[in-house]
Amino acid sequence: MKGFIDPGGETPRLLFEPPEPGDPGTLLRQMKGRAFDTELVRGIARRCPFGKPQVVVCGPVRRGKPFPTTFWLTCPFLERACGRLESAGAVGEMETALSTETGRKAWVEYNEKAALLRSGLLRREESLALRKEESDLAKRLEGVGIGGIRPGSKPSVKCLHLQVAAWLALGSHPAGEWLAGKLDSLDCGGQWLDRCTPPAAPKEG
């Protein structure tokens, strides 16, 4: 990660890059066929060796409603890999791997930290809305971890894409070793660059 972003003092300094000029077009290309609002993007959490976004940081509120997915996996190569693993039962396997006493404790702590990080992404007007008495928005964001998960005594992974995105963005995860063993590679080696490269604009004349 290259540095910090602090847009006008509205957001605490956090470790992620501001988007570069070519990133919006790349994200639209990567997310083709998937429901995603690029206006949610606050920055880039991780890039592949070819400079393409792999994980983006999203704001916690969209059009006045909670958006709990702080980290979104945009890399089409990793998105496909996670889909294959999910089809083979990886979600249940990860939940089992986290179900030890140590794993459960680490899982709860990890999601609590994720909730605090999300609150740090709130803009000034969003923070003011949360201070209102009995704010519905506050209730729906408070204590919510990775991707809207409320950590309990039994780990609920919900989606492998969420977990891989958080792992890559934060550099750690309670099941990090398990994830590293499941994913053969964290980048496509250049073979999927066409899925991350917007088509060239037509020449005038």
N, C-alpha and C. Protein backbone atom coordinates (compact mmCIF):
# COMPACT_ATOMS: atom_id res chain seq x y z
N MET A 1 0.83 -1.18 0.00
CA MET A 1 0.00 0.00 0.00
C MET A 1 0.88 1.24 0.00
N LYS A 2 0.54 2.21 -0.82
CA LYS A 2 1.40 3.37 -1.02
C LYS A 2 1.30 4.39 0.10
N GLY A 3 0.18 4.49 0.77
CA GLY A 3 0.10 5.53 1.77
C GLY A 3 -1.28 5.67 2.37
N PHE A 4 -1.62 6.92 2.74
CA PHE A 4 -2.86 7.18 3.43
C PHE A 4 -3.78 8.02 2.58
N ILE A 5 -5.04 7.96 2.89
CA ILE A 5 -6.00 8.86 2.28
C ILE A 5 -6.75 9.57 3.39
N ASP A 6 -6.95 10.87 3.23
CA ASP A 6 -7.68 11.67 4.20
C ASP A 6 -8.47 12.70 3.44
N PRO A 7 -9.64 12.33 2.91
CA PRO A 7 -10.39 13.21 2.03
C PRO A 7 -11.00 14.40 2.76
N GLY A 8 -10.29 15.51 2.74
CA GLY A 8 -10.82 16.72 3.33
C GLY A 8 -11.00 16.67 4.84
N GLY A 9 -10.30 15.75 5.50
CA GLY A 9 -10.43 15.64 6.93
C GLY A 9 -11.71 14.95 7.38
N GLU A 10 -12.51 14.44 6.45
CA GLU A 10 -13.78 13.83 6.80
C GLU A 10 -13.63 12.39 7.26
N THR A 11 -12.54 11.76 6.90
CA THR A 11 -12.33 10.37 7.23
C THR A 11 -10.99 10.21 7.93
N PRO A 12 -10.92 9.47 9.05
CA PRO A 12 -9.62 9.25 9.70
C PRO A 12 -8.64 8.61 8.73
N ARG A 13 -7.38 8.89 8.92
CA ARG A 13 -6.36 8.32 8.05
C ARG A 13 -6.32 6.81 8.21
N LEU A 14 -6.42 6.12 7.10
CA LEU A 14 -6.40 4.67 7.10
C LEU A 14 -5.46 4.19 6.00
N LEU A 15 -5.00 2.98 6.14
CA LEU A 15 -4.03 2.45 5.18
C LEU A 15 -4.73 1.93 3.93
N PHE A 16 -4.96 2.81 3.00
CA PHE A 16 -5.36 2.39 1.66
C PHE A 16 -5.07 3.52 0.70
N GLU A 17 -4.94 3.17 -0.57
CA GLU A 17 -4.60 4.14 -1.61
C GLU A 17 -5.83 4.84 -2.15
N PRO A 18 -5.70 6.12 -2.46
CA PRO A 18 -6.77 6.75 -3.24
C PRO A 18 -6.79 6.13 -4.63
N PRO A 19 -7.94 6.02 -5.25
CA PRO A 19 -8.00 5.45 -6.60
C PRO A 19 -7.17 6.28 -7.58
N GLU A 20 -6.54 5.61 -8.52
CA GLU A 20 -5.79 6.28 -9.58
C GLU A 20 -6.72 6.54 -10.76
N PRO A 21 -6.35 7.44 -11.67
CA PRO A 21 -7.24 7.80 -12.78
C PRO A 21 -7.78 6.62 -13.58
N GLY A 22 -6.99 5.58 -13.77
CA GLY A 22 -7.45 4.46 -14.58
C GLY A 22 -8.25 3.42 -13.81
N ASP A 23 -8.34 3.56 -12.47
CA ASP A 23 -9.00 2.53 -11.67
C ASP A 23 -10.50 2.39 -11.91
N PRO A 24 -11.27 3.48 -12.05
CA PRO A 24 -12.71 3.30 -12.27
C PRO A 24 -13.03 2.43 -13.49
N GLY A 25 -12.32 2.67 -14.60
CA GLY A 25 -12.55 1.85 -15.79
C GLY A 25 -12.16 0.41 -15.57
N THR A 26 -11.06 0.20 -14.85
CA THR A 26 -10.63 -1.17 -14.54
C THR A 26 -11.65 -1.88 -13.68
N LEU A 27 -12.17 -1.18 -12.67
CA LEU A 27 -13.16 -1.80 -11.77
C LEU A 27 -14.44 -2.17 -12.51
N LEU A 28 -14.87 -1.30 -13.40
CA LEU A 28 -16.06 -1.61 -14.19
C LEU A 28 -15.83 -2.85 -15.05
N ARG A 29 -14.62 -2.97 -15.59
CA ARG A 29 -14.28 -4.14 -16.40
C ARG A 29 -14.24 -5.40 -15.53
N GLN A 30 -13.59 -5.30 -14.37
CA GLN A 30 -13.49 -6.44 -13.47
C GLN A 30 -14.86 -6.90 -12.97
N MET A 31 -15.74 -5.94 -12.71
CA MET A 31 -17.02 -6.26 -12.08
C MET A 31 -18.13 -6.51 -13.09
N LYS A 32 -17.79 -6.61 -14.36
CA LYS A 32 -18.80 -6.84 -15.39
C LYS A 32 -19.60 -8.10 -15.07
N GLY A 33 -20.92 -7.94 -15.05
CA GLY A 33 -21.79 -9.06 -14.73
C GLY A 33 -22.07 -9.23 -13.26
N ARG A 34 -21.46 -8.39 -12.41
CA ARG A 34 -21.70 -8.45 -10.96
C ARG A 34 -22.31 -7.13 -10.51
N ALA A 35 -23.22 -7.20 -9.55
CA ALA A 35 -23.87 -5.99 -9.04
C ALA A 35 -22.91 -5.25 -8.12
N PHE A 36 -22.48 -4.09 -8.54
CA PHE A 36 -21.54 -3.31 -7.72
C PHE A 36 -21.65 -1.84 -8.09
N ASP A 37 -21.66 -0.97 -7.09
CA ASP A 37 -21.75 0.47 -7.28
C ASP A 37 -20.37 1.08 -7.04
N THR A 38 -19.73 1.56 -8.11
CA THR A 38 -18.37 2.09 -7.97
C THR A 38 -18.33 3.36 -7.11
N GLU A 39 -19.48 3.99 -6.89
CA GLU A 39 -19.50 5.17 -6.03
C GLU A 39 -19.20 4.83 -4.58
N LEU A 40 -19.30 3.56 -4.23
CA LEU A 40 -18.98 3.13 -2.87
C LEU A 40 -17.49 3.13 -2.58
N VAL A 41 -16.67 3.10 -3.61
CA VAL A 41 -15.23 2.89 -3.44
C VAL A 41 -14.56 4.11 -2.80
N ARG A 42 -13.90 3.89 -1.66
CA ARG A 42 -13.12 4.93 -1.00
C ARG A 42 -11.64 4.84 -1.36
N GLY A 43 -11.21 3.66 -1.76
CA GLY A 43 -9.80 3.49 -2.10
C GLY A 43 -9.47 2.05 -2.46
N ILE A 44 -8.20 1.83 -2.73
CA ILE A 44 -7.72 0.49 -3.10
C ILE A 44 -6.94 -0.08 -1.93
N ALA A 45 -7.34 -1.25 -1.46
CA ALA A 45 -6.69 -1.88 -0.32
C ALA A 45 -5.51 -2.75 -0.74
N ARG A 46 -5.59 -3.33 -1.94
CA ARG A 46 -4.50 -4.19 -2.41
C ARG A 46 -4.53 -4.26 -3.92
N ARG A 47 -3.32 -4.27 -4.50
CA ARG A 47 -3.17 -4.42 -5.95
C ARG A 47 -2.38 -5.70 -6.23
N CYS A 48 -2.58 -6.24 -7.43
CA CYS A 48 -1.82 -7.40 -7.86
C CYS A 48 -0.45 -6.94 -8.37
N PRO A 49 0.46 -7.84 -8.69
CA PRO A 49 1.78 -7.44 -9.20
C PRO A 49 1.72 -6.62 -10.49
N PHE A 50 0.58 -6.63 -11.16
CA PHE A 50 0.44 -5.90 -12.43
C PHE A 50 -0.24 -4.54 -12.22
N GLY A 51 -0.41 -4.18 -10.95
CA GLY A 51 -0.97 -2.87 -10.62
C GLY A 51 -2.48 -2.77 -10.66
N LYS A 52 -3.17 -3.88 -10.88
CA LYS A 52 -4.63 -3.86 -10.95
C LYS A 52 -5.23 -4.06 -9.56
N PRO A 53 -6.34 -3.37 -9.27
CA PRO A 53 -6.98 -3.57 -7.97
C PRO A 53 -7.39 -5.02 -7.74
N GLN A 54 -7.12 -5.51 -6.56
CA GLN A 54 -7.62 -6.83 -6.16
C GLN A 54 -8.72 -6.71 -5.11
N VAL A 55 -8.55 -5.73 -4.20
CA VAL A 55 -9.53 -5.49 -3.14
C VAL A 55 -9.72 -3.99 -3.01
N VAL A 56 -10.98 -3.55 -2.95
CA VAL A 56 -11.27 -2.13 -2.73
C VAL A 56 -11.89 -1.94 -1.35
N VAL A 57 -11.74 -0.72 -0.84
CA VAL A 57 -12.35 -0.32 0.43
C VAL A 57 -13.65 0.41 0.11
N CYS A 58 -14.74 -0.01 0.74
CA CYS A 58 -16.05 0.59 0.47
C CYS A 58 -16.54 1.39 1.68
N GLY A 59 -17.28 2.45 1.42
CA GLY A 59 -17.89 3.22 2.49
C GLY A 59 -18.97 2.41 3.20
N PRO A 60 -19.24 2.72 4.47
CA PRO A 60 -20.20 1.92 5.25
C PRO A 60 -21.66 2.30 5.05
N VAL A 61 -21.92 3.36 4.30
CA VAL A 61 -23.30 3.80 4.09
C VAL A 61 -23.51 4.07 2.60
N ARG A 62 -24.61 3.57 2.06
CA ARG A 62 -24.98 3.81 0.66
C ARG A 62 -26.41 4.31 0.60
N ARG A 63 -26.55 5.55 0.16
CA ARG A 63 -27.88 6.17 0.03
C ARG A 63 -28.68 6.06 1.31
N GLY A 64 -28.00 6.34 2.42
CA GLY A 64 -28.66 6.37 3.72
C GLY A 64 -28.88 5.04 4.37
N LYS A 65 -28.43 3.96 3.73
CA LYS A 65 -28.61 2.62 4.28
C LYS A 65 -27.25 1.96 4.53
N PRO A 66 -27.16 1.07 5.52
CA PRO A 66 -25.88 0.43 5.82
C PRO A 66 -25.36 -0.40 4.66
N PHE A 67 -24.07 -0.32 4.45
CA PHE A 67 -23.40 -1.19 3.48
C PHE A 67 -22.25 -1.86 4.24
N PRO A 68 -22.46 -3.08 4.72
CA PRO A 68 -21.52 -3.70 5.66
C PRO A 68 -20.25 -4.29 5.04
N THR A 69 -20.17 -4.36 3.72
CA THR A 69 -18.99 -4.98 3.09
C THR A 69 -17.89 -3.95 2.93
N THR A 70 -17.00 -3.87 3.91
CA THR A 70 -15.91 -2.89 3.89
C THR A 70 -14.91 -3.22 2.80
N PHE A 71 -14.59 -4.49 2.64
CA PHE A 71 -13.60 -4.91 1.65
C PHE A 71 -14.29 -5.78 0.59
N TRP A 72 -14.11 -5.38 -0.67
CA TRP A 72 -14.77 -6.08 -1.78
C TRP A 72 -13.70 -6.65 -2.71
N LEU A 73 -13.80 -7.95 -2.95
CA LEU A 73 -12.86 -8.64 -3.84
C LEU A 73 -13.22 -8.35 -5.29
N THR A 74 -12.37 -7.60 -5.99
CA THR A 74 -12.68 -7.24 -7.38
C THR A 74 -11.93 -8.10 -8.40
N CYS A 75 -10.81 -8.69 -8.00
CA CYS A 75 -9.98 -9.47 -8.91
C CYS A 75 -10.79 -10.64 -9.49
N PRO A 76 -10.99 -10.69 -10.81
CA PRO A 76 -11.80 -11.78 -11.39
C PRO A 76 -11.16 -13.15 -11.22
N PHE A 77 -9.84 -13.20 -11.19
CA PHE A 77 -9.14 -14.47 -11.00
C PHE A 77 -9.44 -15.04 -9.61
N LEU A 78 -9.31 -14.19 -8.57
CA LEU A 78 -9.57 -14.65 -7.21
C LEU A 78 -11.06 -14.87 -6.97
N GLU A 79 -11.89 -14.07 -7.62
CA GLU A 79 -13.33 -14.25 -7.50
C GLU A 79 -13.73 -15.63 -8.02
N ARG A 80 -13.16 -16.02 -9.15
CA ARG A 80 -13.45 -17.34 -9.71
C ARG A 80 -12.90 -18.45 -8.81
N ALA A 81 -11.70 -18.24 -8.28
CA ALA A 81 -11.09 -19.25 -7.40
C ALA A 81 -11.95 -19.45 -6.14
N CYS A 82 -12.45 -18.36 -5.57
CA CYS A 82 -13.29 -18.47 -4.38
C CYS A 82 -14.60 -19.19 -4.71
N GLY A 83 -15.15 -18.91 -5.88
CA GLY A 83 -16.37 -19.59 -6.29
C GLY A 83 -16.19 -21.09 -6.39
N ARG A 84 -15.05 -21.50 -6.95
CA ARG A 84 -14.78 -22.94 -7.07
C ARG A 84 -14.65 -23.57 -5.68
N LEU A 85 -13.97 -22.88 -4.79
CA LEU A 85 -13.77 -23.42 -3.44
C LEU A 85 -15.10 -23.51 -2.69
N GLU A 86 -15.94 -22.49 -2.86
CA GLU A 86 -17.24 -22.52 -2.21
C GLU A 86 -18.07 -23.71 -2.70
N SER A 87 -18.01 -23.95 -4.00
CA SER A 87 -18.76 -25.08 -4.58
C SER A 87 -18.28 -26.41 -4.02
N ALA A 88 -17.02 -26.45 -3.59
CA ALA A 88 -16.45 -27.68 -3.04
C ALA A 88 -16.62 -27.77 -1.53
N GLY A 89 -17.38 -26.81 -0.93
CA GLY A 89 -17.66 -26.88 0.50
C GLY A 89 -16.71 -26.12 1.39
N ALA A 90 -15.99 -25.14 0.85
CA ALA A 90 -14.97 -24.45 1.62
C ALA A 90 -15.55 -23.61 2.77
N VAL A 91 -16.77 -23.09 2.61
CA VAL A 91 -17.36 -22.28 3.67
C VAL A 91 -17.51 -23.11 4.95
N GLY A 92 -18.07 -24.30 4.81
CA GLY A 92 -18.21 -25.18 5.96
C GLY A 92 -16.86 -25.60 6.53
N GLU A 93 -15.89 -25.83 5.66
CA GLU A 93 -14.55 -26.21 6.11
C GLU A 93 -13.91 -25.10 6.93
N MET A 94 -14.07 -23.84 6.48
CA MET A 94 -13.49 -22.73 7.23
C MET A 94 -14.17 -22.58 8.59
N GLU A 95 -15.48 -22.74 8.61
CA GLU A 95 -16.19 -22.64 9.89
C GLU A 95 -15.72 -23.72 10.86
N THR A 96 -15.46 -24.91 10.34
CA THR A 96 -14.92 -25.98 11.19
C THR A 96 -13.53 -25.63 11.69
N ALA A 97 -12.70 -25.07 10.80
CA ALA A 97 -11.33 -24.68 11.17
C ALA A 97 -11.33 -23.61 12.25
N LEU A 98 -12.37 -22.77 12.27
CA LEU A 98 -12.45 -21.68 13.26
C LEU A 98 -13.16 -22.09 14.54
N SER A 99 -13.63 -23.33 14.61
CA SER A 99 -14.49 -23.74 15.72
C SER A 99 -13.73 -24.25 16.94
N THR A 100 -12.42 -24.13 16.94
CA THR A 100 -11.67 -24.44 18.15
C THR A 100 -11.85 -23.29 19.14
N GLU A 101 -11.50 -23.50 20.39
CA GLU A 101 -11.63 -22.43 21.39
C GLU A 101 -10.81 -21.21 21.00
N THR A 102 -9.57 -21.45 20.56
CA THR A 102 -8.71 -20.35 20.13
C THR A 102 -9.25 -19.68 18.89
N GLY A 103 -9.73 -20.49 17.96
CA GLY A 103 -10.27 -19.95 16.71
C GLY A 103 -11.50 -19.09 16.94
N ARG A 104 -12.41 -19.52 17.81
CA ARG A 104 -13.61 -18.75 18.09
C ARG A 104 -13.27 -17.40 18.72
N LYS A 105 -12.34 -17.41 19.64
CA LYS A 105 -11.94 -16.17 20.30
C LYS A 105 -11.32 -15.21 19.29
N ALA A 106 -10.44 -15.73 18.45
CA ALA A 106 -9.79 -14.90 17.44
C ALA A 106 -10.81 -14.36 16.44
N TRP A 107 -11.82 -15.18 16.11
CA TRP A 107 -12.86 -14.78 15.16
C TRP A 107 -13.67 -13.60 15.69
N VAL A 108 -14.08 -13.69 16.95
CA VAL A 108 -14.85 -12.61 17.56
C VAL A 108 -14.03 -11.33 17.60
N GLU A 109 -12.77 -11.42 18.02
CA GLU A 109 -11.91 -10.24 18.11
C GLU A 109 -11.68 -9.62 16.73
N TYR A 110 -11.51 -10.46 15.74
CA TYR A 110 -11.27 -9.98 14.36
C TYR A 110 -12.47 -9.19 13.85
N ASN A 111 -13.66 -9.71 14.09
CA ASN A 111 -14.86 -9.03 13.63
C ASN A 111 -15.15 -7.76 14.43
N GLU A 112 -14.80 -7.76 15.69
CA GLU A 112 -14.95 -6.54 16.50
C GLU A 112 -14.04 -5.43 15.95
N LYS A 113 -12.82 -5.79 15.58
CA LYS A 113 -11.90 -4.82 15.00
C LYS A 113 -12.40 -4.33 13.64
N ALA A 114 -12.99 -5.25 12.88
CA ALA A 114 -13.55 -4.87 11.58
C ALA A 114 -14.68 -3.85 11.75
N ALA A 115 -15.49 -4.02 12.79
CA ALA A 115 -16.58 -3.08 13.06
C ALA A 115 -16.02 -1.70 13.43
N LEU A 116 -14.95 -1.67 14.21
CA LEU A 116 -14.32 -0.40 14.58
C LEU A 116 -13.72 0.28 13.35
N LEU A 117 -13.09 -0.51 12.49
CA LEU A 117 -12.52 0.04 11.27
C LEU A 117 -13.61 0.65 10.40
N ARG A 118 -14.74 -0.05 10.27
CA ARG A 118 -15.84 0.48 9.47
C ARG A 118 -16.32 1.82 10.01
N SER A 119 -16.42 1.95 11.34
CA SER A 119 -16.88 3.20 11.92
C SER A 119 -15.92 4.34 11.60
N GLY A 120 -14.63 4.01 11.42
CA GLY A 120 -13.65 5.01 11.07
C GLY A 120 -13.78 5.51 9.64
N LEU A 121 -14.57 4.82 8.84
CA LEU A 121 -14.78 5.23 7.44
C LEU A 121 -16.00 6.13 7.27
N LEU A 122 -16.74 6.34 8.35
CA LEU A 122 -17.92 7.19 8.27
C LEU A 122 -17.53 8.63 7.97
N ARG A 123 -18.24 9.25 7.06
CA ARG A 123 -18.06 10.67 6.78
C ARG A 123 -18.76 11.48 7.88
N ARG A 124 -18.46 12.79 7.91
CA ARG A 124 -18.97 13.62 8.98
C ARG A 124 -20.50 13.59 9.06
N GLU A 125 -21.16 13.71 7.92
CA GLU A 125 -22.62 13.74 7.94
C GLU A 125 -23.19 12.38 8.35
N GLU A 126 -22.47 11.31 8.02
CA GLU A 126 -22.91 9.97 8.43
C GLU A 126 -22.76 9.80 9.93
N SER A 127 -21.66 10.31 10.48
CA SER A 127 -21.44 10.24 11.93
C SER A 127 -22.50 11.01 12.69
N LEU A 128 -22.89 12.18 12.16
CA LEU A 128 -23.94 12.99 12.80
C LEU A 128 -25.27 12.25 12.80
N ALA A 129 -25.56 11.56 11.71
CA ALA A 129 -26.80 10.79 11.64
C ALA A 129 -26.82 9.68 12.67
N LEU A 130 -25.65 9.09 12.93
CA LEU A 130 -25.56 7.99 13.88
C LEU A 130 -25.76 8.47 15.31
N ARG A 131 -25.48 9.74 15.56
CA ARG A 131 -25.61 10.27 16.93
C ARG A 131 -27.05 10.54 17.33
N LYS A 132 -27.95 10.53 16.37
CA LYS A 132 -29.35 10.76 16.68
C LYS A 132 -29.87 9.64 17.58
N GLU A 133 -30.69 9.98 18.51
CA GLU A 133 -31.21 9.00 19.45
C GLU A 133 -31.96 7.89 18.72
N GLU A 134 -31.65 6.67 19.08
CA GLU A 134 -32.29 5.48 18.52
C GLU A 134 -32.15 5.43 17.00
N SER A 135 -31.01 5.84 16.51
CA SER A 135 -30.78 5.81 15.07
C SER A 135 -30.81 4.38 14.56
N ASP A 136 -31.69 4.11 13.57
CA ASP A 136 -31.77 2.77 12.98
C ASP A 136 -30.46 2.41 12.31
N LEU A 137 -29.82 3.40 11.70
CA LEU A 137 -28.54 3.18 11.04
C LEU A 137 -27.49 2.73 12.04
N ALA A 138 -27.48 3.37 13.21
CA ALA A 138 -26.52 3.00 14.25
C ALA A 138 -26.73 1.56 14.70
N LYS A 139 -27.98 1.18 14.90
CA LYS A 139 -28.27 -0.18 15.36
C LYS A 139 -27.83 -1.22 14.35
N ARG A 140 -27.97 -0.89 13.07
CA ARG A 140 -27.64 -1.85 12.01
C ARG A 140 -26.16 -1.92 11.71
N LEU A 141 -25.39 -0.95 12.20
CA LEU A 141 -23.95 -0.97 11.99
C LEU A 141 -23.17 -1.40 13.24
N GLU A 142 -23.75 -1.17 14.39
CA GLU A 142 -23.05 -1.43 15.64
C GLU A 142 -22.76 -2.92 15.83
N GLY A 143 -21.51 -3.24 16.07
CA GLY A 143 -21.12 -4.62 16.36
C GLY A 143 -21.15 -5.55 15.18
N VAL A 144 -21.31 -5.01 13.97
CA VAL A 144 -21.35 -5.86 12.77
C VAL A 144 -19.95 -6.02 12.21
N GLY A 145 -19.54 -7.25 11.99
CA GLY A 145 -18.18 -7.52 11.53
C GLY A 145 -18.07 -7.63 10.02
N ILE A 146 -17.22 -8.52 9.56
CA ILE A 146 -16.96 -8.71 8.13
C ILE A 146 -18.26 -8.99 7.37
N GLY A 147 -18.57 -8.14 6.39
CA GLY A 147 -19.72 -8.38 5.53
C GLY A 147 -21.05 -8.46 6.23
N GLY A 148 -21.20 -7.77 7.37
CA GLY A 148 -22.48 -7.78 8.07
C GLY A 148 -22.65 -8.94 9.04
N ILE A 149 -21.59 -9.69 9.28
CA ILE A 149 -21.66 -10.84 10.20
C ILE A 149 -21.63 -10.35 11.64
N ARG A 150 -22.54 -10.85 12.45
CA ARG A 150 -22.51 -10.58 13.89
C ARG A 150 -21.86 -11.78 14.56
N PRO A 151 -20.60 -11.62 15.00
CA PRO A 151 -19.87 -12.77 15.54
C PRO A 151 -20.52 -13.30 16.81
N GLY A 152 -20.75 -14.60 16.83
CA GLY A 152 -21.32 -15.24 18.01
C GLY A 152 -20.42 -16.37 18.47
N SER A 153 -20.96 -17.25 19.28
CA SER A 153 -20.16 -18.36 19.81
C SER A 153 -19.77 -19.34 18.71
N LYS A 154 -20.60 -19.41 17.64
CA LYS A 154 -20.30 -20.30 16.52
C LYS A 154 -19.94 -19.47 15.30
N PRO A 155 -18.73 -19.62 14.76
CA PRO A 155 -18.31 -18.82 13.60
C PRO A 155 -19.22 -19.04 12.40
N SER A 156 -19.63 -17.95 11.76
CA SER A 156 -20.43 -17.99 10.54
C SER A 156 -19.67 -17.21 9.47
N VAL A 157 -19.10 -17.92 8.52
CA VAL A 157 -18.23 -17.31 7.52
C VAL A 157 -19.01 -16.54 6.47
N LYS A 158 -20.20 -17.02 6.13
CA LYS A 158 -21.12 -16.40 5.18
C LYS A 158 -20.68 -16.55 3.73
N CYS A 159 -19.47 -16.09 3.40
CA CYS A 159 -19.02 -16.07 2.01
C CYS A 159 -17.49 -16.06 1.98
N LEU A 160 -16.90 -16.91 1.17
CA LEU A 160 -15.44 -16.98 1.10
C LEU A 160 -14.85 -15.72 0.48
N HIS A 161 -15.55 -15.11 -0.47
CA HIS A 161 -15.06 -13.89 -1.10
C HIS A 161 -14.84 -12.79 -0.06
N LEU A 162 -15.77 -12.67 0.89
CA LEU A 162 -15.64 -11.68 1.96
C LEU A 162 -14.38 -11.92 2.78
N GLN A 163 -14.17 -13.18 3.13
CA GLN A 163 -13.05 -13.51 4.00
C GLN A 163 -11.70 -13.31 3.30
N VAL A 164 -11.63 -13.69 2.04
CA VAL A 164 -10.38 -13.49 1.29
C VAL A 164 -10.10 -12.00 1.12
N ALA A 165 -11.14 -11.22 0.84
CA ALA A 165 -10.96 -9.77 0.69
C ALA A 165 -10.42 -9.15 1.98
N ALA A 166 -11.00 -9.52 3.12
CA ALA A 166 -10.54 -8.99 4.40
C ALA A 166 -9.12 -9.44 4.71
N TRP A 167 -8.82 -10.69 4.43
CA TRP A 167 -7.48 -11.25 4.66
C TRP A 167 -6.43 -10.49 3.86
N LEU A 168 -6.70 -10.26 2.58
CA LEU A 168 -5.74 -9.57 1.73
C LEU A 168 -5.62 -8.09 2.08
N ALA A 169 -6.74 -7.48 2.44
CA ALA A 169 -6.73 -6.05 2.76
C ALA A 169 -6.02 -5.77 4.08
N LEU A 170 -6.28 -6.59 5.09
CA LEU A 170 -5.74 -6.34 6.42
C LEU A 170 -4.43 -7.05 6.68
N GLY A 171 -4.11 -8.02 5.82
CA GLY A 171 -2.85 -8.74 6.00
C GLY A 171 -2.90 -9.81 7.07
N SER A 172 -4.10 -10.08 7.59
CA SER A 172 -4.24 -11.13 8.61
C SER A 172 -5.67 -11.63 8.62
N HIS A 173 -5.86 -12.80 9.21
CA HIS A 173 -7.18 -13.41 9.33
C HIS A 173 -7.05 -14.58 10.30
N PRO A 174 -8.06 -14.83 11.14
CA PRO A 174 -7.97 -15.97 12.06
C PRO A 174 -7.77 -17.30 11.34
N ALA A 175 -8.20 -17.38 10.08
CA ALA A 175 -8.01 -18.59 9.28
C ALA A 175 -7.02 -18.34 8.15
N GLY A 176 -6.08 -17.45 8.36
CA GLY A 176 -5.12 -17.08 7.33
C GLY A 176 -4.31 -18.25 6.79
N GLU A 177 -3.83 -19.11 7.67
CA GLU A 177 -3.05 -20.27 7.22
C GLU A 177 -3.92 -21.21 6.39
N TRP A 178 -5.15 -21.36 6.82
CA TRP A 178 -6.08 -22.22 6.08
C TRP A 178 -6.33 -21.65 4.69
N LEU A 179 -6.55 -20.34 4.59
CA LEU A 179 -6.77 -19.70 3.31
C LEU A 179 -5.55 -19.83 2.40
N ALA A 180 -4.37 -19.64 2.98
CA ALA A 180 -3.14 -19.75 2.19
C ALA A 180 -2.98 -21.15 1.62
N GLY A 181 -3.42 -22.14 2.38
CA GLY A 181 -3.32 -23.52 1.90
C GLY A 181 -4.34 -23.86 0.82
N LYS A 182 -5.46 -23.13 0.81
CA LYS A 182 -6.52 -23.40 -0.16
C LYS A 182 -6.28 -22.72 -1.50
N LEU A 183 -5.72 -21.51 -1.45
CA LEU A 183 -5.52 -20.75 -2.69
C LEU A 183 -4.14 -21.05 -3.26
N ASP A 184 -4.10 -21.59 -4.45
CA ASP A 184 -2.83 -21.94 -5.07
C ASP A 184 -1.99 -20.72 -5.40
N SER A 185 -2.66 -19.62 -5.74
CA SER A 185 -1.95 -18.40 -6.11
C SER A 185 -2.83 -17.20 -5.77
N LEU A 186 -2.19 -16.07 -5.50
CA LEU A 186 -2.94 -14.85 -5.21
C LEU A 186 -2.99 -13.91 -6.40
N ASP A 187 -2.47 -14.34 -7.53
CA ASP A 187 -2.62 -13.54 -8.75
C ASP A 187 -2.59 -14.48 -9.95
N CYS A 188 -3.03 -13.95 -11.09
CA CYS A 188 -3.22 -14.78 -12.28
C CYS A 188 -1.95 -14.99 -13.10
N GLY A 189 -0.87 -14.35 -12.70
CA GLY A 189 0.37 -14.46 -13.49
C GLY A 189 0.28 -13.75 -14.83
N GLY A 190 -0.71 -12.88 -14.96
CA GLY A 190 -0.88 -12.12 -16.20
C GLY A 190 -1.88 -12.72 -17.16
N GLN A 191 -2.36 -13.93 -16.87
CA GLN A 191 -3.24 -14.61 -17.82
C GLN A 191 -4.66 -14.03 -17.85
N TRP A 192 -5.03 -13.26 -16.84
CA TRP A 192 -6.37 -12.70 -16.78
C TRP A 192 -6.36 -11.18 -16.97
N LEU A 193 -5.29 -10.62 -17.45
CA LEU A 193 -5.21 -9.17 -17.56
C LEU A 193 -6.27 -8.58 -18.49
N ASP A 194 -6.71 -9.37 -19.47
CA ASP A 194 -7.75 -8.87 -20.37
C ASP A 194 -9.05 -8.61 -19.62
N ARG A 195 -9.26 -9.33 -18.50
CA ARG A 195 -10.46 -9.12 -17.68
C ARG A 195 -10.34 -7.90 -16.78
N CYS A 196 -9.17 -7.28 -16.78
CA CYS A 196 -8.92 -6.10 -15.95
C CYS A 196 -8.54 -4.89 -16.78
N THR A 197 -8.60 -5.01 -18.08
CA THR A 197 -8.18 -3.92 -18.97
C THR A 197 -9.37 -3.42 -19.77
N PRO A 198 -9.80 -2.18 -19.54
CA PRO A 198 -10.94 -1.65 -20.32
C PRO A 198 -10.62 -1.58 -21.80
N PRO A 199 -11.60 -1.75 -22.65
CA PRO A 199 -11.35 -1.64 -24.09
C PRO A 199 -10.89 -0.23 -24.46
N ALA A 200 -10.02 -0.15 -25.44
CA ALA A 200 -9.50 1.14 -25.87
C ALA A 200 -10.62 1.98 -26.48
N ALA A 201 -10.55 3.26 -26.24
CA ALA A 201 -11.56 4.17 -26.81
C ALA A 201 -11.38 4.22 -28.30
N PRO A 202 -12.48 4.26 -29.04
CA PRO A 202 -12.37 4.31 -30.51
C PRO A 202 -11.67 5.59 -30.97
N LYS A 203 -10.85 5.47 -32.00
CA LYS A 203 -10.12 6.63 -32.52
C LYS A 203 -11.07 7.53 -33.28
N GLU A 204 -10.88 8.83 -33.08
CA GLU A 204 -11.73 9.80 -33.77
C GLU A 204 -11.34 9.89 -35.25
N GLY A 205 -12.34 10.11 -36.08
CA GLY A 205 -12.06 10.23 -37.51
C GLY A 205 -11.86 8.91 -38.18
